[in-house]
Amino acid sequence: MTRRTGGFVLAGIVVALLLAGGVSRFAADSPDGLEAAARHGCTLDADGRVTGGTCIAQSEREHELSDGPLADYGLRGRSDGPLATGLAGVVGVLLTFALGGGLFYLLRRRRPAPPGGG
């Protein structure tokens, strides 16, 4: 990796970490558009769970990763919402970079050895 490419990658990681850690605290607690559309026509309790009505969300069920370490845009075991959301974003960026960088490293083109072993 050249110095210029390394600087570009490093700058990208820094920007991604700042966005994930800082801007994510402003993420809305309300459901996104898909969830809102699925709950249209439902009766909800104070916690936002479906209790009645006729809507698509009545047939929703918990998925396998609902109790994962980064579930619901937070870190398991952290109760402070904005900080947990920011930390989850930073962890997600670092994991994504590590996995992506590892794959690029494994799949990179290798230059053939120069003739004569020099």
Foldseek 3Di string as FASTA:
>chain_A
DDPVVVVVVVVVLVVQLCCQQPVQLVDDPDDDPVVVQQCVQFDADPVGDGDDGDGNCVPDDDDPCCVPQCHPQAGPPDDPPSRRNSVSSNVVSVVVCVVVVVVCVVPPDDDDQDPPND
